[in-house]
Structures are given as C-alpha cells and as structure tokens.
Protein backbone atom coordinates (compact mmCIF):
# COMPACT_ATOMS: atom_id res chain seq x y z
CA MET A 1 113.04 -152.94 -21.80
CA ASP A 2 112.88 -155.89 -24.19
CA SER A 3 114.13 -159.44 -24.58
CA VAL A 4 114.31 -160.25 -28.19
CA ASN A 5 117.87 -161.61 -28.99
CA TYR A 6 120.40 -163.93 -27.42
CA LEU A 7 123.67 -162.26 -26.31
CA ASN A 8 125.46 -165.50 -27.25
CA GLY A 9 124.33 -168.34 -29.57
CA GLY A 10 123.41 -171.10 -27.30
CA SER A 11 122.49 -168.91 -24.31
CA PRO A 12 119.64 -170.38 -22.31
CA ALA A 13 117.84 -166.95 -21.91
CA LEU A 14 117.29 -163.97 -23.98
CA GLU A 15 119.26 -160.81 -23.36
CA LYS A 16 117.32 -158.24 -21.30
CA ARG A 17 118.24 -154.79 -22.50
CA VAL A 18 116.98 -151.35 -23.10
CA SER A 19 114.64 -151.43 -26.04
CA THR A 20 115.54 -150.05 -29.41
CA TYR A 21 112.34 -148.02 -29.35
CA ASP A 22 113.01 -146.55 -25.80
CA ARG A 23 112.82 -142.73 -25.65
CA PRO A 24 112.74 -141.86 -21.91
CA ASN A 25 111.96 -138.16 -22.46
CA SER A 26 109.52 -136.72 -24.96
CA PHE A 27 108.11 -133.26 -25.12
CA ILE A 28 106.02 -131.59 -27.86
CA ALA A 29 104.37 -128.18 -27.63
CA SER A 30 102.42 -126.27 -30.25
CA GLY A 31 100.58 -123.11 -30.33
CA THR A 32 99.12 -120.27 -32.53
CA TYR A 33 99.29 -116.64 -31.84
CA ASP A 34 97.28 -113.96 -33.70
CA LEU A 35 99.65 -111.01 -34.13
CA PRO A 36 98.05 -107.81 -32.62
CA PHE A 37 98.19 -105.81 -35.78
CA GLY A 38 95.29 -104.47 -37.94
CA ARG A 39 91.93 -103.03 -37.76
CA GLY A 40 90.21 -103.75 -34.34
CA LYS A 41 93.54 -105.05 -32.90
CA GLN A 42 95.79 -103.51 -30.24
CA VAL A 43 98.17 -101.94 -32.73
CA GLY A 44 96.56 -100.03 -35.61
CA ALA A 45 93.03 -100.46 -34.56
CA ASN A 46 91.98 -97.58 -36.85
CA MET A 47 94.35 -98.28 -39.78
CA ASN A 48 93.09 -97.67 -43.31
CA ARG A 49 91.83 -100.85 -45.21
CA ALA A 50 94.60 -100.90 -47.63
CA LEU A 51 97.31 -100.98 -44.90
CA ASP A 52 95.27 -103.53 -42.98
CA PHE A 53 95.08 -105.72 -46.17
CA VAL A 54 98.95 -105.78 -46.05
CA VAL A 55 99.95 -105.86 -42.33
CA GLY A 56 96.72 -106.82 -40.41
CA SER A 57 95.55 -110.22 -39.22
CA TRP A 58 98.63 -112.30 -39.49
CA SER A 59 99.06 -115.42 -37.24
CA LEU A 60 102.20 -117.21 -36.15
CA ALA A 61 102.16 -120.92 -35.31
CA THR A 62 104.86 -123.19 -33.98
CA ILE A 63 105.63 -126.75 -33.02
CA TYR A 64 108.54 -127.53 -30.76
CA THR A 65 109.78 -131.11 -30.45
CA LEU A 66 112.28 -132.34 -27.82
CA HIS A 67 112.98 -136.15 -27.28
CA SER A 68 115.70 -138.55 -26.43
CA GLY A 69 117.60 -140.43 -28.96
CA ALA A 70 117.58 -144.19 -29.53
CA PRO A 71 120.18 -146.42 -27.60
CA LEU A 72 123.23 -147.30 -29.58
CA SER A 73 123.43 -150.98 -30.71
CA TRP A 74 126.99 -152.30 -29.86
CA GLY A 75 128.58 -155.15 -31.53
CA ASN A 76 130.95 -157.78 -30.06
CA LEU A 77 133.81 -155.54 -28.80
CA ILE A 78 136.71 -155.73 -26.39
CA TYR A 79 135.97 -153.01 -23.80
CA LEU A 80 138.78 -152.02 -21.61
CA GLY A 81 136.77 -150.54 -18.87
CA ALA A 82 137.57 -146.79 -19.17
CA PRO A 83 134.96 -144.01 -19.14
CA LEU A 84 133.49 -143.42 -22.55
CA ASN A 85 132.79 -139.73 -22.31
CA SER A 86 129.97 -140.04 -24.83
CA ASN A 87 128.92 -136.92 -26.85
CA SER A 88 126.41 -137.67 -29.53
CA GLU A 89 126.68 -134.14 -30.93
CA ASN A 90 130.48 -134.33 -31.73
CA PRO A 91 130.73 -135.90 -35.15
CA SER A 92 134.66 -136.39 -34.92
CA HIS A 93 134.72 -137.78 -31.42
CA ALA A 94 131.40 -139.21 -30.30
CA PHE A 95 133.03 -141.22 -27.53
CA ASP A 96 136.54 -142.19 -26.24
CA THR A 97 137.70 -145.01 -28.56
CA THR A 98 140.75 -145.71 -26.42
CA ALA A 99 138.42 -147.55 -24.18
CA PHE A 100 138.30 -150.38 -26.77
CA ASN A 101 140.78 -152.65 -28.28
CA THR A 102 140.92 -151.72 -31.90
CA VAL A 103 143.71 -153.92 -33.14
CA THR A 104 142.30 -156.16 -36.00
CA SER A 105 144.54 -159.19 -35.23
CA GLN A 106 143.54 -159.18 -31.53
CA GLN A 107 139.77 -159.33 -32.13
CA LEU A 108 137.96 -162.37 -30.87
CA SER A 109 136.38 -164.86 -33.13
CA GLN A 110 135.27 -167.38 -30.60
CA ASN A 111 134.13 -166.10 -27.24
CA LEU A 112 131.28 -165.80 -24.79
CA ARG A 113 130.06 -162.19 -24.93
CA THR A 114 129.59 -160.19 -21.75
CA PHE A 115 129.40 -156.70 -23.26
CA PRO A 116 125.66 -155.76 -23.44
CA SER A 117 124.24 -154.71 -26.77
CA GLN A 118 122.50 -151.66 -25.55
CA PHE A 119 122.92 -149.17 -22.65
CA ASN A 120 120.40 -146.60 -21.29
CA ASN A 121 123.04 -143.74 -21.19
CA LEU A 122 124.76 -144.32 -24.50
CA ARG A 123 122.28 -142.99 -27.31
CA VAL A 124 122.24 -141.30 -30.69
CA ASP A 125 121.63 -137.58 -30.80
CA HIS A 126 118.42 -136.16 -29.34
CA THR A 127 115.71 -134.30 -31.31
CA ASN A 128 115.53 -130.49 -30.56
CA ASN A 129 113.45 -128.95 -33.41
CA ILE A 130 111.41 -125.90 -34.04
CA ASN A 131 108.96 -125.46 -37.01
CA LEU A 132 107.37 -122.02 -37.57
CA THR A 133 104.43 -120.91 -39.88
CA LEU A 134 103.45 -117.37 -40.56
CA ALA A 135 99.99 -117.17 -42.29
CA LYS A 136 97.30 -114.62 -43.39
CA THR A 137 94.02 -115.10 -45.08
CA PHE A 138 93.02 -112.29 -47.65
CA SER A 139 89.33 -111.80 -48.43
CA ILE A 140 89.14 -111.10 -52.13
CA LYS A 141 85.33 -111.32 -52.47
CA GLU A 142 82.64 -112.49 -50.18
CA ARG A 143 83.14 -116.11 -51.21
CA VAL A 144 86.84 -116.04 -52.37
CA LYS A 145 89.65 -116.12 -49.93
CA VAL A 146 93.34 -116.59 -50.49
CA GLN A 147 95.62 -117.93 -47.67
CA PHE A 148 99.36 -117.09 -47.81
CA ARG A 149 101.77 -119.22 -45.75
CA ALA A 150 105.48 -118.98 -45.16
CA GLU A 151 106.62 -122.13 -43.31
CA ALA A 152 110.13 -122.76 -41.86
CA PHE A 153 111.14 -126.35 -40.90
CA ASN A 154 114.06 -126.90 -38.62
CA LEU A 155 114.17 -123.23 -38.00
CA THR A 156 117.42 -123.24 -36.03
CA ASN A 157 119.11 -125.50 -38.67
CA LYS A 158 120.13 -128.01 -35.84
CA PRO A 159 121.51 -131.23 -37.35
CA LEU A 160 120.29 -134.45 -35.83
CA PHE A 161 123.25 -136.67 -36.03
CA ALA A 162 123.07 -140.45 -36.94
CA GLY A 163 124.75 -143.05 -34.72
CA ALA A 164 128.47 -143.29 -34.57
CA THR A 165 130.43 -146.07 -36.20
CA LEU A 166 130.63 -148.89 -33.70
CA THR A 167 132.98 -151.32 -35.55
CA ALA A 168 136.17 -151.20 -33.41
CA THR A 169 138.43 -152.08 -36.43
CA SER A 170 137.09 -149.36 -38.72
CA ALA A 171 139.04 -146.27 -39.43
CA SER A 172 135.95 -144.20 -38.68
CA PHE A 173 135.27 -145.87 -35.33
CA GLY A 174 133.77 -143.38 -32.86
CA THR A 175 132.85 -140.85 -35.57
CA ILE A 176 129.47 -139.80 -36.99
CA GLY A 177 129.28 -139.65 -40.73
CA SER A 178 125.75 -138.44 -41.42
CA GLN A 179 122.71 -136.71 -40.05
CA THR A 180 119.12 -138.03 -40.13
CA ASN A 181 117.13 -134.87 -40.50
CA ASN A 182 116.82 -132.31 -43.20
CA PRO A 183 118.69 -128.90 -42.84
CA ARG A 184 116.58 -125.81 -42.54
CA TYR A 185 114.16 -125.25 -45.38
CA ILE A 186 111.64 -122.53 -46.07
CA GLN A 187 108.54 -122.91 -48.22
CA PHE A 188 105.74 -120.59 -49.41
CA GLY A 189 102.19 -121.65 -50.22
CA LEU A 190 98.93 -120.01 -51.55
CA ARG A 191 95.55 -121.63 -51.17
CA VAL A 192 92.45 -120.33 -52.78
CA THR A 193 89.11 -121.18 -51.37
CA PHE A 194 85.79 -120.29 -53.14
C-alpha cells in the first residue's frame, strides 16, 4: 500500500491505495541438469571418444519466472457499477467497457472523485516465462576449452501484454495495443578459454 497522491486537489489526506510496485505473488525457479549421455554416464558409458565428443556431457539449464502484474492506474472515470470481468490476456476486450460512461459530452470537468485510482484485483498481465540453455564444453587441448551454448528466451513465446487503454472517451478504451516483453528468440554462442 502507499499514500503518495491526492485523489482530489484540496483533499485533506493522501489517497491510500495499492502501490504501483505491488506484486503479491512472485516465484522464480532455476536449475541445471547434466544429461546422462556419454562416457561414464548412464547412457553410453562405454561409447567411443569421437561419439562422446559430439553427444556426451551436455547440460540443460532453465529459469522459470511467474509473478503478478502491476495494478492498473485508472483516471477520473464515471463508473456505472457493473462487473468489469477483467481479462488482462484478451487484447480486444480487457474488461467490460459498458460498465463506464464513454460519451464525451457527458464527462465531468468539475467533480469530487470517488473512484479509486488503483485496485488490487485489476492488474496488467502477469509474467509467466521460461528461459532454457543447452551447453557443452569441448576440451580441445589440455588448456584450451570451447563452450557451445544454445539459449532460448521466452521459450513458449507467451506475450506479456501491456495495460489496457483506460481513457473512457478513446476509441481503443478497454483494448490492449502492445506487449512489454520480447517474442521468443534463440541465440548461439561460443566461448574459448585458454
């Protein structure tokens, strides 16, 4: 919770609201698994050196991130009291816009606001992301090693949608026009140590 702004100019106290930085749920897990293929491993314990050079001693690493989105910041709107049926993953209908007065000529210019600026249950899209790395270190000589890495970021290619348009008189009111993360991308790398 925070109290940093006045809901109305001239209000005697700051508005108490859900903080912009509030993320009630956050979970991150990471791990590395050495694949069981190659000389001295469960599969192919006695394979020849040439085959082991190609398929042996790979490792797989992952980072999984899941956390709540930030609360939406609402302007001075005329709310009619109907359920919003919020869905932060639906770009064309993030919430029910019929719950608001959207007629430009009927908007208030002088009023005391009662509609809070942020709510705990109305948030932007949540993060649900998996990154994956496949790596192997090749010994070229006693002191020369080459590490190959294949990395996939946002492996499932899940978009993380931005907040919906919250201006009641806008033609895009209640829609989401962008995403805040990158689509899936894959990169390869080589690192030589000597």
